[in-house]
PDB file of N, CA and C in Angstrom:
ATOM      1  N   UNK A   1     123.449  84.017  98.213  1.00  0.00           N
ATOM      2  CA  UNK A   1     124.141  85.232  98.566  1.00  0.00           C
ATOM      3  C   UNK A   1     124.404  85.209 100.065  1.00  0.00           C
ATOM      4  N   UNK A   2     125.648  85.368 100.470  1.00  0.00           N
ATOM      5  CA  UNK A   2     126.009  85.373 101.875  1.00  0.00           C
ATOM      6  C   UNK A   2     126.161  86.819 102.308  1.00  0.00           C
ATOM      7  N   UNK A   3     125.397  87.203 103.301  1.00  0.00           N
ATOM      8  CA  UNK A   3     125.392  88.594 103.712  1.00  0.00           C
ATOM      9  C   UNK A   3     125.832  88.770 105.151  1.00  0.00           C
ATOM     10  N   UNK A   4     126.195  87.719 105.837  1.00  0.00           N
ATOM     11  CA  UNK A   4     126.677  87.844 107.205  1.00  0.00           C
ATOM     12  C   UNK A   4     125.569  88.177 108.172  1.00  0.00           C
ATOM     13  N   UNK A   5     125.898  88.937 109.197  1.00  0.00           N
ATOM     14  CA  UNK A   5     124.962  89.225 110.276  1.00  0.00           C
ATOM     15  C   UNK A   5     123.789  90.097 109.881  1.00  0.00           C
ATOM     16  N   UNK A   6     123.892  90.850 108.777  1.00  0.00           N
ATOM     17  CA  UNK A   6     122.808  91.743 108.401  1.00  0.00           C
ATOM     18  C   UNK A   6     121.688  91.071 107.642  1.00  0.00           C
ATOM     19  N   UNK A   7     121.786  89.775 107.421  1.00  0.00           N
ATOM     20  CA  UNK A   7     120.800  89.067 106.597  1.00  0.00           C
ATOM     21  C   UNK A   7     119.401  89.196 107.181  1.00  0.00           C
ATOM     22  N   UNK A   8     119.248  89.056 108.491  1.00  0.00           N
ATOM     23  CA  UNK A   8     117.929  89.119 109.109  1.00  0.00           C
ATOM     24  C   UNK A   8     117.290  90.487 108.923  1.00  0.00           C
ATOM     25  N   UNK A   9     118.097  91.558 108.987  1.00  0.00           N
ATOM     26  CA  UNK A   9     117.537  92.907 108.869  1.00  0.00           C
ATOM     27  C   UNK A   9     116.986  93.162 107.466  1.00  0.00           C
ATOM     28  N   UNK A  10     117.467  92.458 106.459  1.00  0.00           N
ATOM     29  CA  UNK A  10     116.978  92.669 105.096  1.00  0.00           C
ATOM     30  C   UNK A  10     115.623  92.022 104.847  1.00  0.00           C
ATOM     31  N   UNK A  11     115.228  91.086 105.705  1.00  0.00           N
ATOM     32  CA  UNK A  11     113.942  90.414 105.496  1.00  0.00           C
ATOM     33  C   UNK A  11     112.775  91.396 105.564  1.00  0.00           C
ATOM     34  N   UNK A  12     112.919  92.453 106.337  1.00  0.00           N
ATOM     35  CA  UNK A  12     111.848  93.434 106.477  1.00  0.00           C
ATOM     36  C   UNK A  12     112.091  94.680 105.633  1.00  0.00           C
ATOM     37  N   UNK A  13     113.095  94.644 104.772  1.00  0.00           N
ATOM     38  CA  UNK A  13     113.418  95.792 103.938  1.00  0.00           C
ATOM     39  C   UNK A  13     112.532  95.781 102.700  1.00  0.00           C
ATOM     40  N   UNK A  14     111.745  96.810 102.528  1.00  0.00           N
ATOM     41  CA  UNK A  14     110.846  96.912 101.372  1.00  0.00           C
ATOM     42  C   UNK A  14     111.177  98.181 100.609  1.00  0.00           C
ATOM     43  N   UNK A  15     111.251  98.073  99.309  1.00  0.00           N
ATOM     44  CA  UNK A  15     111.528  99.222  98.471  1.00  0.00           C
ATOM     45  C   UNK A  15     110.259  99.600  97.732  1.00  0.00           C
ATOM     46  N   UNK A  16     109.846 100.834  97.903  1.00  0.00           N
ATOM     47  CA  UNK A  16     108.656 101.332  97.214  1.00  0.00           C
ATOM     48  C   UNK A  16     109.116 102.221  96.069  1.00  0.00           C
ATOM     49  N   UNK A  17     109.068 101.706  94.857  1.00  0.00           N
ATOM     50  CA  UNK A  17     109.498 102.470  93.695  1.00  0.00           C
ATOM     51  C   UNK A  17     108.374 103.379  93.229  1.00  0.00           C
ATOM     52  N   UNK A  18     108.723 104.604  92.845  1.00  0.00           N
ATOM     53  CA  UNK A  18     107.688 105.511  92.350  1.00  0.00           C
ATOM     54  C   UNK A  18     107.132 105.010  91.027  1.00  0.00           C
ATOM     55  N   UNK A  19     105.864 105.272  90.805  1.00  0.00           N
ATOM     56  CA  UNK A  19     105.234 104.881  89.548  1.00  0.00           C
ATOM     57  C   UNK A  19     105.668 105.875  88.476  1.00  0.00           C
ATOM     58  N   UNK A  20     106.400 105.406  87.484  1.00  0.00           N
ATOM     59  CA  UNK A  20     106.941 106.299  86.462  1.00  0.00           C
ATOM     60  C   UNK A  20     105.920 106.675  85.395  1.00  0.00           C
ATOM     61  N   UNK A  21     104.702 106.213  85.551  1.00  0.00           N
ATOM     62  CA  UNK A  21     103.693 106.504  84.535  1.00  0.00           C
ATOM     63  C   UNK A  21     102.811 107.695  84.891  1.00  0.00           C
ATOM     64  N   UNK A  22     103.058 108.351  86.016  1.00  0.00           N
ATOM     65  CA  UNK A  22     102.300 109.551  86.344  1.00  0.00           C
ATOM     66  C   UNK A  22     102.639 110.633  85.321  1.00  0.00           C
ATOM     67  N   UNK A  23     101.686 111.518  85.055  1.00  0.00           N
ATOM     68  CA  UNK A  23     101.888 112.544  84.031  1.00  0.00           C
ATOM     69  C   UNK A  23     103.073 113.449  84.348  1.00  0.00           C
ATOM     70  N   UNK A  24     103.283 113.806  85.614  1.00  0.00           N
ATOM     71  CA  UNK A  24     104.377 114.715  85.935  1.00  0.00           C
ATOM     72  C   UNK A  24     105.740 114.045  85.839  1.00  0.00           C
ATOM     73  N   UNK A  25     105.799 112.745  85.648  1.00  0.00           N
ATOM     74  CA  UNK A  25     107.067 112.043  85.489  1.00  0.00           C
ATOM     75  C   UNK A  25     107.340 111.683  84.029  1.00  0.00           C
ATOM     76  N   UNK A  26     106.413 111.948  83.128  1.00  0.00           N
ATOM     77  CA  UNK A  26     106.549 111.467  81.756  1.00  0.00           C
ATOM     78  C   UNK A  26     107.814 111.977  81.077  1.00  0.00           C
ATOM     79  N   UNK A  27     108.147 113.251  81.250  1.00  0.00           N
ATOM     80  CA  UNK A  27     109.340 113.787  80.598  1.00  0.00           C
ATOM     81  C   UNK A  27     110.583 113.070  81.098  1.00  0.00           C
ATOM     82  N   UNK A  28     110.719 112.898  82.413  1.00  0.00           N
ATOM     83  CA  UNK A  28     111.879 112.219  82.970  1.00  0.00           C
ATOM     84  C   UNK A  28     111.884 110.743  82.603  1.00  0.00           C
ATOM     85  N   UNK A  29     110.732 110.105  82.580  1.00  0.00           N
ATOM     86  CA  UNK A  29     110.653 108.671  82.303  1.00  0.00           C
ATOM     87  C   UNK A  29     111.127 108.365  80.888  1.00  0.00           C
ATOM     88  N   UNK A  30     110.924 109.282  79.956  1.00  0.00           N
ATOM     89  CA  UNK A  30     111.308 109.052  78.567  1.00  0.00           C
ATOM     90  C   UNK A  30     112.817 108.892  78.407  1.00  0.00           C
ATOM     91  N   UNK A  31     113.625 109.557  79.242  1.00  0.00           N
ATOM     92  CA  UNK A  31     115.075 109.466  79.084  1.00  0.00           C
ATOM     93  C   UNK A  31     115.685 108.364  79.958  1.00  0.00           C
ATOM     94  N   UNK A  32     114.853 107.506  80.527  1.00  0.00           N
ATOM     95  CA  UNK A  32     115.329 106.381  81.333  1.00  0.00           C
ATOM     96  C   UNK A  32     115.093 105.103  80.536  1.00  0.00           C
ATOM     97  N   UNK A  33     116.170 104.444  80.117  1.00  0.00           N
ATOM     98  CA  UNK A  33     116.008 103.217  79.322  1.00  0.00           C
ATOM     99  C   UNK A  33     115.274 102.123  80.090  1.00  0.00           C
ATOM    100  N   UNK A  34     114.645 101.242  79.349  1.00  0.00           N
ATOM    101  CA  UNK A  34     113.965 100.106  79.959  1.00  0.00           C
ATOM    102  C   UNK A  34     114.977  99.306  80.785  1.00  0.00           C
ATOM    103  N   UNK A  35     114.556  98.898  81.971  1.00  0.00           N
ATOM    104  CA  UNK A  35     115.446  98.142  82.847  1.00  0.00           C
ATOM    105  C   UNK A  35     116.321  99.008  83.725  1.00  0.00           C
ATOM    106  N   UNK A  36     116.096 100.321  83.695  1.00  0.00           N
ATOM    107  CA  UNK A  36     116.871 101.261  84.496  1.00  0.00           C
ATOM    108  C   UNK A  36     115.938 102.136  85.318  1.00  0.00           C
ATOM    109  N   UNK A  37     116.518 102.819  86.294  1.00  0.00           N
ATOM    110  CA  UNK A  37     115.749 103.713  87.151  1.00  0.00           C
ATOM    111  C   UNK A  37     116.592 104.941  87.456  1.00  0.00           C
ATOM    112  N   UNK A  38     115.990 106.109  87.429  1.00  0.00           N
ATOM    113  CA  UNK A  38     116.695 107.342  87.783  1.00  0.00           C
ATOM    114  C   UNK A  38     116.709 107.491  89.302  1.00  0.00           C
ATOM    115  N   UNK A  39     117.853 107.890  89.832  1.00  0.00           N
ATOM    116  CA  UNK A  39     117.988 108.176  91.258  1.00  0.00           C
ATOM    117  C   UNK A  39     118.744 109.482  91.409  1.00  0.00           C
ATOM    118  N   UNK A  40     118.655 110.084  92.588  1.00  0.00           N
ATOM    119  CA  UNK A  40     119.452 111.260  92.909  1.00  0.00           C
ATOM    120  C   UNK A  40     120.480 110.841  93.942  1.00  0.00           C
ATOM    121  N   UNK A  41     121.690 111.378  93.816  1.00  0.00           N
ATOM    122  CA  UNK A  41     122.771 111.054  94.739  1.00  0.00           C
ATOM    123  C   UNK A  41     123.349 112.357  95.265  1.00  0.00           C
ATOM    124  N   UNK A  42     123.585 112.398  96.577  1.00  0.00           N
ATOM    125  CA  UNK A  42     124.178 113.574  97.198  1.00  0.00           C
ATOM    126  C   UNK A  42     123.121 114.470  97.815  1.00  0.00           C
ATOM    127  N   UNK A  43     123.609 115.567  98.373  1.00  0.00           N
ATOM    128  CA  UNK A  43     122.717 116.523  99.021  1.00  0.00           C
ATOM    129  C   UNK A  43     123.098 117.934  98.604  1.00  0.00           C
ATOM    130  N   UNK A  44     122.122 118.812  98.592  1.00  0.00           N
ATOM    131  CA  UNK A  44     122.375 120.213  98.275  1.00  0.00           C
ATOM    132  C   UNK A  44     122.891 120.407  96.861  1.00  0.00           C
ATOM    133  N   UNK A  45     123.890 121.302  96.736  1.00  0.00           N
ATOM    134  CA  UNK A  45     124.439 121.627  95.416  1.00  0.00           C
ATOM    135  C   UNK A  45     125.188 120.466  94.785  1.00  0.00           C
ATOM    136  N   UNK A  46     125.659 119.534  95.613  1.00  0.00           N
ATOM    137  CA  UNK A  46     126.403 118.379  95.109  1.00  0.00           C
ATOM    138  C   UNK A  46     125.482 117.370  94.414  1.00  0.00           C
ATOM    139  N   UNK A  47     124.178 117.422  94.682  1.00  0.00           N
ATOM    140  CA  UNK A  47     123.255 116.390  94.215  1.00  0.00           C
ATOM    141  C   UNK A  47     123.266 116.259  92.690  1.00  0.00           C
ATOM    142  N   UNK A  48     123.351 115.006  92.225  1.00  0.00           N
ATOM    143  CA  UNK A  48     123.345 114.707  90.795  1.00  0.00           C
ATOM    144  C   UNK A  48     122.363 113.582  90.518  1.00  0.00           C
ATOM    145  N   UNK A  49     121.881 113.544  89.300  1.00  0.00           N
ATOM    146  CA  UNK A  49     120.950 112.504  88.868  1.00  0.00           C
ATOM    147  C   UNK A  49     121.736 111.425  88.139  1.00  0.00           C
ATOM    148  N   UNK A  50     121.452 110.167  88.482  1.00  0.00           N
ATOM    149  CA  UNK A  50     122.065 109.018  87.833  1.00  0.00           C
ATOM    150  C   UNK A  50     120.959 108.104  87.331  1.00  0.00           C
ATOM    151  N   UNK A  51     121.239 107.379  86.263  1.00  0.00           N
ATOM    152  CA  UNK A  51     120.338 106.347  85.768  1.00  0.00           C
ATOM    153  C   UNK A  51     121.079 105.025  85.932  1.00  0.00           C
ATOM    154  N   UNK A  52     120.503 104.142  86.743  1.00  0.00           N
ATOM    155  CA  UNK A  52     121.177 102.874  87.057  1.00  0.00           C
ATOM    156  C   UNK A  52     120.285 101.696  86.668  1.00  0.00           C
ATOM    157  N   UNK A  53     120.893 100.582  86.316  1.00  0.00           N
ATOM    158  CA  UNK A  53     120.118  99.376  86.005  1.00  0.00           C
ATOM    159  C   UNK A  53     119.388  98.885  87.256  1.00  0.00           C
ATOM    160  N   UNK A  54     118.188  98.378  87.089  1.00  0.00           N
ATOM    161  CA  UNK A  54     117.430  97.881  88.242  1.00  0.00           C
ATOM    162  C   UNK A  54     118.134  96.715  88.923  1.00  0.00           C
ATOM    163  N   UNK A  55     119.029  96.029  88.220  1.00  0.00           N
ATOM    164  CA  UNK A  55     119.778  94.925  88.835  1.00  0.00           C
ATOM    165  C   UNK A  55     120.612  95.426  90.022  1.00  0.00           C
ATOM    166  N   UNK A  56     120.963  96.713  90.035  1.00  0.00           N
ATOM    167  CA  UNK A  56     121.687  97.288  91.173  1.00  0.00           C
ATOM    168  C   UNK A  56     120.926  97.071  92.471  1.00  0.00           C
ATOM    169  N   UNK A  57     119.605  97.102  92.414  1.00  0.00           N
ATOM    170  CA  UNK A  57     118.781  97.045  93.618  1.00  0.00           C
ATOM    171  C   UNK A  57     118.873  95.708  94.335  1.00  0.00           C
ATOM    172  N   UNK A  58     119.491  94.714  93.703  1.00  0.00           N
ATOM    173  CA  UNK A  58     119.713  93.412  94.334  1.00  0.00           C
ATOM    174  C   UNK A  58     121.126  93.266  94.874  1.00  0.00           C
ATOM    175  N   UNK A  59     122.001  94.226  94.610  1.00  0.00           N
ATOM    176  CA  UNK A  59     123.395  94.115  95.015  1.00  0.00           C
ATOM    177  C   UNK A  59     123.566  94.582  96.473  1.00  0.00           C
ATOM    178  N   UNK A  60     124.315  93.814  97.285  1.00  0.00           N
ATOM    179  CA  UNK A  60     124.487  94.166  98.705  1.00  0.00           C
ATOM    180  C   UNK A  60     125.024  95.583  98.939  1.00  0.00           C
ATOM    181  N   UNK A  61     125.936  96.062  98.093  1.00  0.00           N
ATOM    182  CA  UNK A  61     126.461  97.420  98.271  1.00  0.00           C
ATOM    183  C   UNK A  61     125.373  98.462  98.040  1.00  0.00           C
ATOM    184  N   UNK A  62     124.545  98.245  97.020  1.00  0.00           N
ATOM    185  CA  UNK A  62     123.473  99.194  96.730  1.00  0.00           C
ATOM    186  C   UNK A  62     122.386  99.105  97.797  1.00  0.00           C
ATOM    187  N   UNK A  63     122.120  97.905  98.274  1.00  0.00           N
ATOM    188  CA  UNK A  63     121.127  97.733  99.350  1.00  0.00           C
ATOM    189  C   UNK A  63     121.558  98.535 100.570  1.00  0.00           C
ATOM    190  N   UNK A  64     122.862  98.555 100.862  1.00  0.00           N
ATOM    191  CA  UNK A  64     123.352  99.346 101.993  1.00  0.00           C
ATOM    192  C   UNK A  64     123.081 100.836 101.772  1.00  0.00           C
ATOM    193  N   UNK A  65     123.262 101.308 100.545  1.00  0.00           N
ATOM    194  CA  UNK A  65     122.955 102.709 100.242  1.00  0.00           C
ATOM    195  C   UNK A  65     121.466 102.996 100.415  1.00  0.00           C
ATOM    196  N   UNK A  66     120.620 102.047 100.020  1.00  0.00           N
ATOM    197  CA  UNK A  66     119.179 102.214 100.200  1.00  0.00           C
ATOM    198  C   UNK A  66     118.809 102.256 101.680  1.00  0.00           C
ATOM    199  N   UNK A  67     119.500 101.461 102.494  1.00  0.00           N
ATOM    200  CA  UNK A  67     119.250 101.488 103.938  1.00  0.00           C
ATOM    201  C   UNK A  67     119.625 102.843 104.524  1.00  0.00           C
ATOM    202  N   UNK A  68     120.727 103.416 104.040  1.00  0.00           N
ATOM    203  CA  UNK A  68     121.128 104.754 104.482  1.00  0.00           C
ATOM    204  C   UNK A  68     120.082 105.791 104.074  1.00  0.00           C
ATOM    205  N   UNK A  69     119.528 105.639 102.872  1.00  0.00           N
ATOM    206  CA  UNK A  69     118.475 106.549 102.413  1.00  0.00           C
ATOM    207  C   UNK A  69     117.244 106.417 103.299  1.00  0.00           C
ATOM    208  N   UNK A  70     116.911 105.182 103.682  1.00  0.00           N
ATOM    209  CA  UNK A  70     115.763 104.973 104.565  1.00  0.00           C
ATOM    210  C   UNK A  70     115.993 105.646 105.915  1.00  0.00           C
ATOM    211  N   UNK A  71     117.205 105.503 106.461  1.00  0.00           N
ATOM    212  CA  UNK A  71     117.513 106.115 107.747  1.00  0.00           C
ATOM    213  C   UNK A  71     117.439 107.634 107.669  1.00  0.00           C
ATOM    214  N   UNK A  72     117.868 108.192 106.540  1.00  0.00           N
ATOM    215  CA  UNK A  72     117.897 109.640 106.362  1.00  0.00           C
ATOM    216  C   UNK A  72     116.515 110.217 106.053  1.00  0.00           C
ATOM    217  N   UNK A  73     115.773 109.568 105.159  1.00  0.00           N
ATOM    218  CA  UNK A  73     114.531 110.135 104.633  1.00  0.00           C
ATOM    219  C   UNK A  73     113.277 109.339 104.978  1.00  0.00           C
ATOM    220  N   UNK A  74     113.420 108.109 105.469  1.00  0.00           N
ATOM    221  CA  UNK A  74     112.258 107.259 105.719  1.00  0.00           C
ATOM    222  C   UNK A  74     111.798 106.598 104.433  1.00  0.00           C
ATOM    223  N   UNK A  75     110.737 105.814 104.555  1.00  0.00           N
ATOM    224  CA  UNK A  75     110.219 105.082 103.384  1.00  0.00           C
ATOM    225  C   UNK A  75     109.318 105.938 102.510  1.00  0.00           C
ATOM    226  N   UNK A  76     108.912 107.095 102.981  1.00  0.00           N
ATOM    227  CA  UNK A  76     107.908 107.882 102.265  1.00  0.00           C
ATOM    228  C   UNK A  76     108.507 108.943 101.357  1.00  0.00           C
ATOM    229  N   UNK A  77     109.639 108.642 100.730  1.00  0.00           N
ATOM    230  CA  UNK A  77     110.203 109.586  99.771  1.00  0.00           C
ATOM    231  C   UNK A  77     109.225 109.756  98.617  1.00  0.00           C
ATOM    232  N   UNK A  78     109.006 110.977  98.216  1.00  0.00           N
ATOM    233  CA  UNK A  78     108.138 111.258  97.064  1.00  0.00           C
ATOM    234  C   UNK A  78     109.004 111.480  95.838  1.00  0.00           C
ATOM    235  N   UNK A  79     108.618 110.879  94.726  1.00  0.00           N
ATOM    236  CA  UNK A  79     109.362 111.071  93.490  1.00  0.00           C
ATOM    237  C   UNK A  79     110.609 110.215  93.427  1.00  0.00           C
ATOM    238  N   UNK A  80     111.678 110.800  92.905  1.00  0.00           N
ATOM    239  CA  UNK A  80     112.930 110.083  92.672  1.00  0.00           C
ATOM    240  C   UNK A  80     113.581 109.657  93.984  1.00  0.00           C
ATOM    241  N   UNK A  81     114.086 108.432  94.036  1.00  0.00           N
ATOM    242  CA  UNK A  81     114.813 107.947  95.211  1.00  0.00           C
ATOM    243  C   UNK A  81     116.094 108.758  95.347  1.00  0.00           C
ATOM    244  N   UNK A  82     116.370 109.227  96.561  1.00  0.00           N
ATOM    245  CA  UNK A  82     117.576 110.002  96.832  1.00  0.00           C
ATOM    246  C   UNK A  82     118.494 109.213  97.748  1.00  0.00           C
ATOM    247  N   UNK A  83     119.730 109.055  97.321  1.00  0.00           N
ATOM    248  CA  UNK A  83     120.765 108.387  98.108  1.00  0.00           C
ATOM    249  C   UNK A  83     121.604 109.486  98.750  1.00  0.00           C
ATOM    250  N   UNK A  84     121.703 109.530 100.089  1.00  0.00           N
ATOM    251  CA  UNK A  84     122.340 110.669 100.758  1.00  0.00           C
ATOM    252  C   UNK A  84     123.870 110.664 100.788  1.00  0.00           C
ATOM    253  N   UNK A  85     124.544 109.685 100.182  1.00  0.00           N
ATOM    254  CA  UNK A  85     126.012 109.660 100.233  1.00  0.00           C
ATOM    255  C   UNK A  85     126.599 110.687  99.261  1.00  0.00           C
ATOM    256  N   UNK A  86     127.893 110.938  99.398  1.00  0.00           N
ATOM    257  CA  UNK A  86     128.581 111.844  98.481  1.00  0.00           C
ATOM    258  C   UNK A  86     128.647 111.214  97.089  1.00  0.00           C
ATOM    259  N   UNK A  87     128.625 112.044  96.063  1.00  0.00           N
ATOM    260  CA  UNK A  87     128.637 111.572  94.678  1.00  0.00           C
ATOM    261  C   UNK A  87     129.866 110.701  94.414  1.00  0.00           C
ATOM    262  N   UNK A  88     131.032 111.103  94.909  1.00  0.00           N
ATOM    263  CA  UNK A  88     132.248 110.317  94.673  1.00  0.00           C
ATOM    264  C   UNK A  88     132.159 108.950  95.341  1.00  0.00           C
ATOM    265  N   UNK A  89     131.549 108.886  96.525  1.00  0.00           N
ATOM    266  CA  UNK A  89     131.358 107.596  97.200  1.00  0.00           C
ATOM    267  C   UNK A  89     130.439 106.708  96.359  1.00  0.00           C
ATOM    268  N   UNK A  90     129.369 107.299  95.806  1.00  0.00           N
ATOM    269  CA  UNK A  90     128.460 106.529  94.957  1.00  0.00           C
ATOM    270  C   UNK A  90     129.178 106.019  93.717  1.00  0.00           C
ATOM    271  N   UNK A  91     130.005 106.872  93.101  1.00  0.00           N
ATOM    272  CA  UNK A  91     130.741 106.446  91.909  1.00  0.00           C
ATOM    273  C   UNK A  91     131.671 105.277  92.224  1.00  0.00           C
ATOM    274  N   UNK A  92     132.241 105.279  93.414  1.00  0.00           N
ATOM    275  CA  UNK A  92     133.100 104.176  93.833  1.00  0.00           C
ATOM    276  C   UNK A  92     132.279 102.880  93.936  1.00  0.00           C
ATOM    277  N   UNK A  93     131.118 102.964  94.584  1.00  0.00           N
ATOM    278  CA  UNK A  93     130.234 101.799  94.703  1.00  0.00           C
ATOM    279  C   UNK A  93     129.786 101.342  93.319  1.00  0.00           C
ATOM    280  N   UNK A  94     129.426 102.296  92.490  1.00  0.00           N
ATOM    281  CA  UNK A  94     128.993 101.998  91.120  1.00  0.00           C
ATOM    282  C   UNK A  94     130.104 101.266  90.359  1.00  0.00           C
ATOM    283  N   UNK A  95     131.339 101.723  90.509  1.00  0.00           N
ATOM    284  CA  UNK A  95     132.474 101.092  89.841  1.00  0.00           C
ATOM    285  C   UNK A  95     132.674  99.663  90.318  1.00  0.00           C
ATOM    286  N   UNK A  96     132.514  99.440  91.641  1.00  0.00           N
ATOM    287  CA  UNK A  96     132.669  98.080  92.172  1.00  0.00           C
ATOM    288  C   UNK A  96     131.578  97.158  91.642  1.00  0.00           C
ATOM    289  N   UNK A  97     130.346  97.660  91.575  1.00  0.00           N
ATOM    290  CA  UNK A  97     129.237  96.847  91.061  1.00  0.00           C
ATOM    291  C   UNK A  97     129.463  96.546  89.583  1.00  0.00           C
ATOM    292  N   UNK A  98     129.832  97.560  88.805  1.00  0.00           N
ATOM    293  CA  UNK A  98     130.064  97.360  87.370  1.00  0.00           C
ATOM    294  C   UNK A  98     131.219  96.405  87.116  1.00  0.00           C
ATOM    295  N   UNK A  99     132.300  96.535  87.902  1.00  0.00           N
ATOM    296  CA  UNK A  99     133.454  95.652  87.740  1.00  0.00           C
ATOM    297  C   UNK A  99     133.052  94.207  88.030  1.00  0.00           C
ATOM    298  N   UNK A 100     132.294  94.015  89.093  1.00  0.00           N
ATOM    299  CA  UNK A 100     131.819  92.670  89.455  1.00  0.00           C
ATOM    300  C   UNK A 100     130.937  92.102  88.348  1.00  0.00           C
ATOM    301  N   UNK A 101     130.048  92.909  87.801  1.00  0.00           N
ATOM    302  CA  UNK A 101     129.152  92.447  86.741  1.00  0.00           C
ATOM    303  C   UNK A 101     129.928  92.124  85.471  1.00  0.00           C
ATOM    304  N   UNK A 102     130.971  92.912  85.143  1.00  0.00           N
ATOM    305  CA  UNK A 102     131.725  92.655  83.922  1.00  0.00           C
ATOM    306  C   UNK A 102     132.564  91.392  84.052  1.00  0.00           C
ATOM    307  N   UNK A 103     132.991  91.066  85.270  1.00  0.00           N
ATOM    308  CA  UNK A 103     133.715  89.817  85.500  1.00  0.00           C
ATOM    309  C   UNK A 103     132.821  88.627  85.149  1.00  0.00           C
ATOM    310  N   UNK A 104     131.534  88.769  85.405  1.00  0.00           N
ATOM    311  CA  UNK A 104     130.576  87.707  85.118  1.00  0.00           C
ATOM    312  C   UNK A 104     130.022  87.814  83.690  1.00  0.00           C
ATOM    313  N   UNK A 105     130.654  88.656  82.857  1.00  0.00           N
ATOM    314  CA  UNK A 105     130.277  88.825  81.450  1.00  0.00           C
ATOM    315  C   UNK A 105     128.864  89.372  81.266  1.00  0.00           C
ATOM    316  N   UNK A 106     128.388  90.101  82.232  1.00  0.00           N
ATOM    317  CA  UNK A 106     127.090  90.775  82.118  1.00  0.00           C
ATOM    318  C   UNK A 106     127.339  92.256  82.345  1.00  0.00           C
ATOM    319  N   UNK A 107     128.019  92.896  81.419  1.00  0.00           N
ATOM    320  CA  UNK A 107     128.377  94.298  81.595  1.00  0.00           C
ATOM    321  C   UNK A 107     127.108  95.141  81.780  1.00  0.00           C
ATOM    322  N   UNK A 108     127.120  95.929  82.824  1.00  0.00           N
ATOM    323  CA  UNK A 108     125.989  96.791  83.131  1.00  0.00           C
ATOM    324  C   UNK A 108     126.448  98.223  83.003  1.00  0.00           C
ATOM    325  N   UNK A 109     125.837  98.975  82.105  1.00  0.00           N
ATOM    326  CA  UNK A 109     126.233 100.359  81.901  1.00  0.00           C
ATOM    327  C   UNK A 109     125.438 101.307  82.781  1.00  0.00           C
ATOM    328  N   UNK A 110     126.079 102.381  83.169  1.00  0.00           N
ATOM    329  CA  UNK A 110     125.437 103.409  83.981  1.00  0.00           C
ATOM    330  C   UNK A 110     125.909 104.742  83.479  1.00  0.00           C
ATOM    331  N   UNK A 111     125.150 105.755  83.741  1.00  0.00           N
ATOM    332  CA  UNK A 111     125.579 107.067  83.331  1.00  0.00           C
ATOM    333  C   UNK A 111     124.924 108.124  84.194  1.00  0.00           C
ATOM    334  N   UNK A 112     125.549 109.303  84.199  1.00  0.00           N
ATOM    335  CA  UNK A 112     125.008 110.431  84.929  1.00  0.00           C
ATOM    336  C   UNK A 112     124.352 111.342  83.911  1.00  0.00           C
ATOM    337  N   UNK A 113     123.189 111.900  84.284  1.00  0.00           N
ATOM    338  CA  UNK A 113     122.497 112.823  83.374  1.00  0.00           C
ATOM    339  C   UNK A 113     122.245 114.133  84.054  1.00  0.00           C
TER     340      UNK A 113
END
């Protein structure tokens, strides 16, 4: 994967995923298919919940969104990961990732809940 000048900055990037087996997460965890993770996108009233495949977390576009979340909220987010971009911007990124995956015959489905 060629990432240009930002490659060095990703070496220290660590993602701490919440443990979905805690009792207070059980209801939400049940509606998240295996291999997927629930995230929140947007801020305030615009905020929506999305369920995305974990393979997204390796994609450079999604990594950039995670970096923005780190800058906005830090690494100590509690509960669901929140991406601070606008929902429409996220849908655009999601469409690009899905289109790229379908070109490689590995269609990845996503949905908003």
